[in-house]
């Protein structure tokens, strides 16, 4: 009976492994934000204000990202528009 219980029970992840996984997510997020120019948060707020004059949207419906390709910087703007 003891041997069957061993195979039936699945160990849940330890709190240390869960904490490590969460920390890795936080560090990755911070690294992403660190690579952005200082003006990006203000630019995103301004873009949201302009869009909200015409369309009711939430903060999480707009993503602004900046990428560098060689000598060029590319500003990417993704907006999830509501259904009509």
PDB file of N, CA and C in Angstrom:
ATOM      1  N   UNK A   1       0.823  -1.190   0.000  1.00  0.00           N
ATOM      2  CA  UNK A   1       0.000   0.000   0.000  1.00  0.00           C
ATOM      3  C   UNK A   1       0.867   1.254   0.000  1.00  0.00           C
ATOM      4  N   UNK A   2       1.953   1.211   0.705  1.00  0.00           N
ATOM      5  CA  UNK A   2       2.851   2.353   0.771  1.00  0.00           C
ATOM      6  C   UNK A   2       3.451   2.662  -0.598  1.00  0.00           C
ATOM      7  N   UNK A   3       3.772   1.641  -1.356  1.00  0.00           N
ATOM      8  CA  UNK A   3       4.350   1.824  -2.680  1.00  0.00           C
ATOM      9  C   UNK A   3       3.336   2.470  -3.630  1.00  0.00           C
ATOM     10  N   UNK A   4       2.062   2.088  -3.538  1.00  0.00           N
ATOM     11  CA  UNK A   4       1.027   2.682  -4.379  1.00  0.00           C
ATOM     12  C   UNK A   4       0.813   4.152  -4.042  1.00  0.00           C
ATOM     13  N   UNK A   5       0.878   4.496  -2.779  1.00  0.00           N
ATOM     14  CA  UNK A   5       0.729   5.895  -2.376  1.00  0.00           C
ATOM     15  C   UNK A   5       1.863   6.739  -2.954  1.00  0.00           C
ATOM     16  N   UNK A   6       3.028   6.172  -3.053  1.00  0.00           N
ATOM     17  CA  UNK A   6       4.172   6.896  -3.613  1.00  0.00           C
ATOM     18  C   UNK A   6       3.910   7.290  -5.059  1.00  0.00           C
ATOM     19  N   UNK A   7       3.340   6.389  -5.843  1.00  0.00           N
ATOM     20  CA  UNK A   7       3.079   6.678  -7.245  1.00  0.00           C
ATOM     21  C   UNK A   7       1.856   7.573  -7.445  1.00  0.00           C
ATOM     22  N   UNK A   8       0.911   7.513  -6.544  1.00  0.00           N
ATOM     23  CA  UNK A   8      -0.300   8.326  -6.660  1.00  0.00           C
ATOM     24  C   UNK A   8      -0.055   9.784  -6.325  1.00  0.00           C
ATOM     25  N   UNK A   9       0.712  10.006  -5.315  1.00  0.00           N
ATOM     26  CA  UNK A   9       0.890  11.387  -4.865  1.00  0.00           C
ATOM     27  C   UNK A   9       1.877  12.122  -5.761  1.00  0.00           C
ATOM     28  N   UNK A  10       1.475  13.275  -6.165  1.00  0.00           N
ATOM     29  CA  UNK A  10       2.348  14.147  -6.943  1.00  0.00           C
ATOM     30  C   UNK A  10       2.765  15.289  -6.025  1.00  0.00           C
ATOM     31  N   UNK A  11       4.051  15.479  -5.941  1.00  0.00           N
ATOM     32  CA  UNK A  11       4.528  16.543  -5.078  1.00  0.00           C
ATOM     33  C   UNK A  11       4.247  17.891  -5.725  1.00  0.00           C
ATOM     34  N   UNK A  12       3.723  18.794  -4.939  1.00  0.00           N
ATOM     35  CA  UNK A  12       3.481  20.147  -5.422  1.00  0.00           C
ATOM     36  C   UNK A  12       4.807  20.902  -5.382  1.00  0.00           C
ATOM     37  N   UNK A  13       4.962  21.883  -6.250  1.00  0.00           N
ATOM     38  CA  UNK A  13       6.224  22.627  -6.243  1.00  0.00           C
ATOM     39  C   UNK A  13       6.448  23.301  -4.891  1.00  0.00           C
ATOM     40  N   UNK A  14       7.698  23.338  -4.496  1.00  0.00           N
ATOM     41  CA  UNK A  14       8.012  23.943  -3.197  1.00  0.00           C
ATOM     42  C   UNK A  14       7.862  25.450  -3.275  1.00  0.00           C
ATOM     43  N   UNK A  15       7.723  26.071  -2.129  1.00  0.00           N
ATOM     44  CA  UNK A  15       7.576  27.524  -2.111  1.00  0.00           C
ATOM     45  C   UNK A  15       8.845  28.203  -2.620  1.00  0.00           C
ATOM     46  N   UNK A  16       9.988  27.569  -2.444  1.00  0.00           N
ATOM     47  CA  UNK A  16      11.241  28.138  -2.951  1.00  0.00           C
ATOM     48  C   UNK A  16      11.255  28.174  -4.467  1.00  0.00           C
ATOM     49  N   UNK A  17      10.785  27.109  -5.102  1.00  0.00           N
ATOM     50  CA  UNK A  17      10.776  27.103  -6.566  1.00  0.00           C
ATOM     51  C   UNK A  17       9.754  28.087  -7.118  1.00  0.00           C
ATOM     52  N   UNK A  18       8.634  28.248  -6.447  1.00  0.00           N
ATOM     53  CA  UNK A  18       7.631  29.225  -6.871  1.00  0.00           C
ATOM     54  C   UNK A  18       8.190  30.634  -6.716  1.00  0.00           C
ATOM     55  N   UNK A  19       8.860  30.902  -5.605  1.00  0.00           N
ATOM     56  CA  UNK A  19       9.457  32.223  -5.378  1.00  0.00           C
ATOM     57  C   UNK A  19      10.543  32.511  -6.405  1.00  0.00           C
ATOM     58  N   UNK A  20      11.336  31.516  -6.741  1.00  0.00           N
ATOM     59  CA  UNK A  20      12.396  31.704  -7.736  1.00  0.00           C
ATOM     60  C   UNK A  20      11.800  32.028  -9.101  1.00  0.00           C
ATOM     61  N   UNK A  21      10.735  31.332  -9.459  1.00  0.00           N
ATOM     62  CA  UNK A  21      10.077  31.582 -10.743  1.00  0.00           C
ATOM     63  C   UNK A  21       9.503  32.999 -10.800  1.00  0.00           C
ATOM     64  N   UNK A  22       8.874  33.433  -9.720  1.00  0.00           N
ATOM     65  CA  UNK A  22       8.324  34.791  -9.671  1.00  0.00           C
ATOM     66  C   UNK A  22       9.425  35.839  -9.746  1.00  0.00           C
ATOM     67  N   UNK A  23      10.533  35.580  -9.072  1.00  0.00           N
ATOM     68  CA  UNK A  23      11.660  36.504  -9.114  1.00  0.00           C
ATOM     69  C   UNK A  23      12.236  36.610 -10.523  1.00  0.00           C
ATOM     70  N   UNK A  24      12.310  35.495 -11.233  1.00  0.00           N
ATOM     71  CA  UNK A  24      12.814  35.518 -12.605  1.00  0.00           C
ATOM     72  C   UNK A  24      11.900  36.353 -13.501  1.00  0.00           C
ATOM     73  N   UNK A  25      10.600  36.264 -13.290  1.00  0.00           N
ATOM     74  CA  UNK A  25       9.652  37.059 -14.070  1.00  0.00           C
ATOM     75  C   UNK A  25       9.844  38.543 -13.770  1.00  0.00           C
ATOM     76  N   UNK A  26      10.012  38.886 -12.493  1.00  0.00           N
ATOM     77  CA  UNK A  26      10.229  40.283 -12.123  1.00  0.00           C
ATOM     78  C   UNK A  26      11.521  40.838 -12.708  1.00  0.00           C
ATOM     79  N   UNK A  27      12.588  40.054 -12.653  1.00  0.00           N
ATOM     80  CA  UNK A  27      13.871  40.500 -13.183  1.00  0.00           C
ATOM     81  C   UNK A  27      13.779  40.706 -14.694  1.00  0.00           C
ATOM     82  N   UNK A  28      13.123  39.805 -15.394  1.00  0.00           N
ATOM     83  CA  UNK A  28      12.965  39.947 -16.841  1.00  0.00           C
ATOM     84  C   UNK A  28      12.160  41.195 -17.170  1.00  0.00           C
ATOM     85  N   UNK A  29      11.135  41.467 -16.403  1.00  0.00           N
ATOM     86  CA  UNK A  29      10.315  42.654 -16.623  1.00  0.00           C
ATOM     87  C   UNK A  29      11.120  43.922 -16.384  1.00  0.00           C
ATOM     88  N   UNK A  30      11.911  43.943 -15.317  1.00  0.00           N
ATOM     89  CA  UNK A  30      12.750  45.106 -15.013  1.00  0.00           C
ATOM     90  C   UNK A  30      13.790  45.332 -16.096  1.00  0.00           C
ATOM     91  N   UNK A  31      14.372  44.273 -16.614  1.00  0.00           N
ATOM     92  CA  UNK A  31      15.362  44.409 -17.682  1.00  0.00           C
ATOM     93  C   UNK A  31      14.741  45.012 -18.928  1.00  0.00           C
ATOM     94  N   UNK A  32      13.521  44.610 -19.225  1.00  0.00           N
ATOM     95  CA  UNK A  32      12.819  45.143 -20.388  1.00  0.00           C
ATOM     96  C   UNK A  32      12.585  46.641 -20.211  1.00  0.00           C
ATOM     97  N   UNK A  33      12.159  47.053 -19.013  1.00  0.00           N
ATOM     98  CA  UNK A  33      11.900  48.461 -18.762  1.00  0.00           C
ATOM     99  C   UNK A  33      13.188  49.278 -18.742  1.00  0.00           C
ATOM    100  N   UNK A  34      14.278  48.683 -18.297  1.00  0.00           N
ATOM    101  CA  UNK A  34      15.548  49.391 -18.208  1.00  0.00           C
ATOM    102  C   UNK A  34      16.084  49.755 -19.587  1.00  0.00           C
ATOM    103  N   UNK A  35      15.783  48.944 -20.592  1.00  0.00           N
ATOM    104  CA  UNK A  35      16.260  49.195 -21.948  1.00  0.00           C
ATOM    105  C   UNK A  35      15.470  50.290 -22.658  1.00  0.00           C
ATOM    106  N   UNK A  36      14.336  50.702 -22.102  1.00  0.00           N
ATOM    107  CA  UNK A  36      13.519  51.723 -22.732  1.00  0.00           C
ATOM    108  C   UNK A  36      14.103  53.110 -22.446  1.00  0.00           C
ATOM    109  N   UNK A  37      13.925  54.036 -23.388  1.00  0.00           N
ATOM    110  CA  UNK A  37      14.339  55.415 -23.118  1.00  0.00           C
ATOM    111  C   UNK A  37      13.495  56.021 -22.000  1.00  0.00           C
ATOM    112  N   UNK A  38      13.985  57.086 -21.400  1.00  0.00           N
ATOM    113  CA  UNK A  38      13.298  57.719 -20.272  1.00  0.00           C
ATOM    114  C   UNK A  38      11.944  58.308 -20.647  1.00  0.00           C
ATOM    115  N   UNK A  39      11.779  58.695 -21.901  1.00  0.00           N
ATOM    116  CA  UNK A  39      10.545  59.360 -22.309  1.00  0.00           C
ATOM    117  C   UNK A  39       9.412  58.393 -22.618  1.00  0.00           C
ATOM    118  N   UNK A  40       9.668  57.098 -22.629  1.00  0.00           N
ATOM    119  CA  UNK A  40       8.637  56.135 -23.033  1.00  0.00           C
ATOM    120  C   UNK A  40       7.378  56.169 -22.162  1.00  0.00           C
ATOM    121  N   UNK A  41       7.456  56.201 -20.835  1.00  0.00           N
ATOM    122  CA  UNK A  41       6.214  56.253 -20.048  1.00  0.00           C
ATOM    123  C   UNK A  41       5.389  57.511 -20.340  1.00  0.00           C
ATOM    124  N   UNK A  42       6.056  58.657 -20.485  1.00  0.00           N
ATOM    125  CA  UNK A  42       5.334  59.896 -20.791  1.00  0.00           C
ATOM    126  C   UNK A  42       4.720  59.834 -22.179  1.00  0.00           C
ATOM    127  N   UNK A  43       5.451  59.272 -23.128  1.00  0.00           N
ATOM    128  CA  UNK A  43       4.943  59.125 -24.486  1.00  0.00           C
ATOM    129  C   UNK A  43       3.714  58.225 -24.500  1.00  0.00           C
ATOM    130  N   UNK A  44       3.762  57.137 -23.766  1.00  0.00           N
ATOM    131  CA  UNK A  44       2.619  56.214 -23.719  1.00  0.00           C
ATOM    132  C   UNK A  44       1.404  56.900 -23.094  1.00  0.00           C
ATOM    133  N   UNK A  45       1.609  57.682 -22.029  1.00  0.00           N
ATOM    134  CA  UNK A  45       0.490  58.413 -21.416  1.00  0.00           C
ATOM    135  C   UNK A  45      -0.127  59.399 -22.409  1.00  0.00           C
ATOM    136  N   UNK A  46       0.725  60.141 -23.137  1.00  0.00           N
ATOM    137  CA  UNK A  46       0.231  61.114 -24.101  1.00  0.00           C
ATOM    138  C   UNK A  46      -0.550  60.439 -25.226  1.00  0.00           C
ATOM    139  N   UNK A  47      -0.041  59.324 -25.705  1.00  0.00           N
ATOM    140  CA  UNK A  47      -0.738  58.589 -26.759  1.00  0.00           C
ATOM    141  C   UNK A  47      -2.094  58.110 -26.262  1.00  0.00           C
ATOM    142  N   UNK A  48      -2.146  57.607 -25.032  1.00  0.00           N
ATOM    143  CA  UNK A  48      -3.429  57.159 -24.464  1.00  0.00           C
ATOM    144  C   UNK A  48      -4.424  58.311 -24.369  1.00  0.00           C
ATOM    145  N   UNK A  49      -3.963  59.487 -23.953  1.00  0.00           N
ATOM    146  CA  UNK A  49      -4.857  60.633 -23.827  1.00  0.00           C
ATOM    147  C   UNK A  49      -5.449  61.025 -25.175  1.00  0.00           C
ATOM    148  N   UNK A  50      -4.622  61.022 -26.214  1.00  0.00           N
ATOM    149  CA  UNK A  50      -5.110  61.388 -27.544  1.00  0.00           C
ATOM    150  C   UNK A  50      -6.111  60.358 -28.050  1.00  0.00           C
ATOM    151  N   UNK A  51      -5.805  59.086 -27.878  1.00  0.00           N
ATOM    152  CA  UNK A  51      -6.712  58.032 -28.356  1.00  0.00           C
ATOM    153  C   UNK A  51      -8.031  58.083 -27.597  1.00  0.00           C
ATOM    154  N   UNK A  52      -7.974  58.374 -26.303  1.00  0.00           N
ATOM    155  CA  UNK A  52      -9.197  58.419 -25.487  1.00  0.00           C
ATOM    156  C   UNK A  52     -10.120  59.575 -25.873  1.00  0.00           C
ATOM    157  N   UNK A  53      -9.612  60.572 -26.575  1.00  0.00           N
ATOM    158  CA  UNK A  53     -10.489  61.637 -27.057  1.00  0.00           C
ATOM    159  C   UNK A  53     -11.490  61.095 -28.064  1.00  0.00           C
ATOM    160  N   UNK A  54     -11.134  60.020 -28.750  1.00  0.00           N
ATOM    161  CA  UNK A  54     -11.960  59.484 -29.824  1.00  0.00           C
ATOM    162  C   UNK A  54     -12.548  58.108 -29.525  1.00  0.00           C
ATOM    163  N   UNK A  55     -11.829  57.300 -28.746  1.00  0.00           N
ATOM    164  CA  UNK A  55     -12.247  55.927 -28.484  1.00  0.00           C
ATOM    165  C   UNK A  55     -12.051  55.617 -27.000  1.00  0.00           C
ATOM    166  N   UNK A  56     -13.055  55.054 -26.337  1.00  0.00           N
ATOM    167  CA  UNK A  56     -12.861  54.652 -24.933  1.00  0.00           C
ATOM    168  C   UNK A  56     -12.031  53.355 -24.856  1.00  0.00           C
ATOM    169  N   UNK A  57     -10.811  53.443 -24.345  1.00  0.00           N
ATOM    170  CA  UNK A  57      -9.943  52.277 -24.197  1.00  0.00           C
ATOM    171  C   UNK A  57      -9.303  52.278 -22.827  1.00  0.00           C
ATOM    172  N   UNK A  58      -8.847  51.104 -22.409  1.00  0.00           N
ATOM    173  CA  UNK A  58      -8.160  50.930 -21.134  1.00  0.00           C
ATOM    174  C   UNK A  58      -6.645  50.996 -21.345  1.00  0.00           C
ATOM    175  N   UNK A  59      -5.911  51.170 -20.261  1.00  0.00           N
ATOM    176  CA  UNK A  59      -4.445  51.252 -20.331  1.00  0.00           C
ATOM    177  C   UNK A  59      -3.822  50.007 -20.939  1.00  0.00           C
ATOM    178  N   UNK A  60      -4.366  48.846 -20.608  1.00  0.00           N
ATOM    179  CA  UNK A  60      -3.749  47.601 -21.063  1.00  0.00           C
ATOM    180  C   UNK A  60      -4.053  47.279 -22.528  1.00  0.00           C
ATOM    181  N   UNK A  61      -4.849  48.121 -23.198  1.00  0.00           N
ATOM    182  CA  UNK A  61      -5.168  47.891 -24.605  1.00  0.00           C
ATOM    183  C   UNK A  61      -4.163  48.566 -25.546  1.00  0.00           C
ATOM    184  N   UNK A  62      -3.182  49.267 -24.988  1.00  0.00           N
ATOM    185  CA  UNK A  62      -2.171  49.945 -25.795  1.00  0.00           C
ATOM    186  C   UNK A  62      -0.797  49.502 -25.325  1.00  0.00           C
ATOM    187  N   UNK A  63       0.016  49.019 -26.263  1.00  0.00           N
ATOM    188  CA  UNK A  63       1.402  48.662 -25.967  1.00  0.00           C
ATOM    189  C   UNK A  63       2.303  49.490 -26.873  1.00  0.00           C
ATOM    190  N   UNK A  64       3.274  50.152 -26.251  1.00  0.00           N
ATOM    191  CA  UNK A  64       4.244  50.955 -26.982  1.00  0.00           C
ATOM    192  C   UNK A  64       5.610  50.334 -26.737  1.00  0.00           C
ATOM    193  N   UNK A  65       6.313  50.023 -27.822  1.00  0.00           N
ATOM    194  CA  UNK A  65       7.645  49.430 -27.696  1.00  0.00           C
ATOM    195  C   UNK A  65       8.588  50.126 -28.651  1.00  0.00           C
ATOM    196  N   UNK A  66       9.842  50.181 -28.254  1.00  0.00           N
ATOM    197  CA  UNK A  66      10.859  50.773 -29.095  1.00  0.00           C
ATOM    198  C   UNK A  66      11.947  49.741 -29.332  1.00  0.00           C
ATOM    199  N   UNK A  67      12.340  49.595 -30.596  1.00  0.00           N
ATOM    200  CA  UNK A  67      13.385  48.636 -30.960  1.00  0.00           C
ATOM    201  C   UNK A  67      14.431  49.354 -31.790  1.00  0.00           C
ATOM    202  N   UNK A  68      15.656  48.895 -31.683  1.00  0.00           N
ATOM    203  CA  UNK A  68      16.746  49.453 -32.471  1.00  0.00           C
ATOM    204  C   UNK A  68      17.172  48.441 -33.515  1.00  0.00           C
ATOM    205  N   UNK A  69      17.291  48.905 -34.753  1.00  0.00           N
ATOM    206  CA  UNK A  69      17.787  48.072 -35.839  1.00  0.00           C
ATOM    207  C   UNK A  69      18.880  48.858 -36.547  1.00  0.00           C
ATOM    208  N   UNK A  70      20.108  48.545 -36.222  1.00  0.00           N
ATOM    209  CA  UNK A  70      21.228  49.254 -36.824  1.00  0.00           C
ATOM    210  C   UNK A  70      21.234  50.709 -36.397  1.00  0.00           C
ATOM    211  N   UNK A  71      21.155  51.598 -37.363  1.00  0.00           N
ATOM    212  CA  UNK A  71      21.169  53.036 -37.087  1.00  0.00           C
ATOM    213  C   UNK A  71      19.778  53.606 -36.842  1.00  0.00           C
ATOM    214  N   UNK A  72      18.754  52.770 -36.914  1.00  0.00           N
ATOM    215  CA  UNK A  72      17.388  53.243 -36.823  1.00  0.00           C
ATOM    216  C   UNK A  72      16.720  52.780 -35.535  1.00  0.00           C
ATOM    217  N   UNK A  73      15.835  53.624 -35.035  1.00  0.00           N
ATOM    218  CA  UNK A  73      14.970  53.253 -33.918  1.00  0.00           C
ATOM    219  C   UNK A  73      13.556  53.110 -34.454  1.00  0.00           C
ATOM    220  N   UNK A  74      12.887  52.053 -34.041  1.00  0.00           N
ATOM    221  CA  UNK A  74      11.531  51.780 -34.512  1.00  0.00           C
ATOM    222  C   UNK A  74      10.585  51.859 -33.324  1.00  0.00           C
ATOM    223  N   UNK A  75       9.566  52.696 -33.461  1.00  0.00           N
ATOM    224  CA  UNK A  75       8.538  52.820 -32.439  1.00  0.00           C
ATOM    225  C   UNK A  75       7.343  51.998 -32.893  1.00  0.00           C
ATOM    226  N   UNK A  76       6.986  50.990 -32.100  1.00  0.00           N
ATOM    227  CA  UNK A  76       5.881  50.101 -32.439  1.00  0.00           C
ATOM    228  C   UNK A  76       4.729  50.378 -31.493  1.00  0.00           C
ATOM    229  N   UNK A  77       3.560  50.609 -32.053  1.00  0.00           N
ATOM    230  CA  UNK A  77       2.368  50.924 -31.287  1.00  0.00           C
ATOM    231  C   UNK A  77       1.287  49.915 -31.628  1.00  0.00           C
ATOM    232  N   UNK A  78       0.850  49.148 -30.641  1.00  0.00           N
ATOM    233  CA  UNK A  78      -0.219  48.154 -30.825  1.00  0.00           C
ATOM    234  C   UNK A  78      -1.419  48.578 -29.989  1.00  0.00           C
ATOM    235  N   UNK A  79      -2.556  48.763 -30.656  1.00  0.00           N
ATOM    236  CA  UNK A  79      -3.772  49.200 -29.994  1.00  0.00           C
ATOM    237  C   UNK A  79      -4.865  48.168 -30.247  1.00  0.00           C
ATOM    238  N   UNK A  80      -5.468  47.675 -29.180  1.00  0.00           N
ATOM    239  CA  UNK A  80      -6.608  46.788 -29.310  1.00  0.00           C
ATOM    240  C   UNK A  80      -7.867  47.648 -29.258  1.00  0.00           C
ATOM    241  N   UNK A  81      -8.525  47.770 -30.400  1.00  0.00           N
ATOM    242  CA  UNK A  81      -9.713  48.610 -30.486  1.00  0.00           C
ATOM    243  C   UNK A  81     -10.940  47.822 -30.052  1.00  0.00           C
ATOM    244  N   UNK A  82     -11.872  48.480 -29.386  1.00  0.00           N
ATOM    245  CA  UNK A  82     -13.107  47.794 -28.978  1.00  0.00           C
ATOM    246  C   UNK A  82     -13.993  47.509 -30.178  1.00  0.00           C
ATOM    247  N   UNK A  83     -14.853  46.515 -30.015  1.00  0.00           N
ATOM    248  CA  UNK A  83     -15.813  46.186 -31.072  1.00  0.00           C
ATOM    249  C   UNK A  83     -16.828  47.306 -31.172  1.00  0.00           C
ATOM    250  N   UNK A  84     -17.377  47.503 -32.352  1.00  0.00           N
ATOM    251  CA  UNK A  84     -18.392  48.566 -32.539  1.00  0.00           C
ATOM    252  C   UNK A  84     -19.716  48.173 -31.994  1.00  0.00           C
TER     253      UNK A  84
END
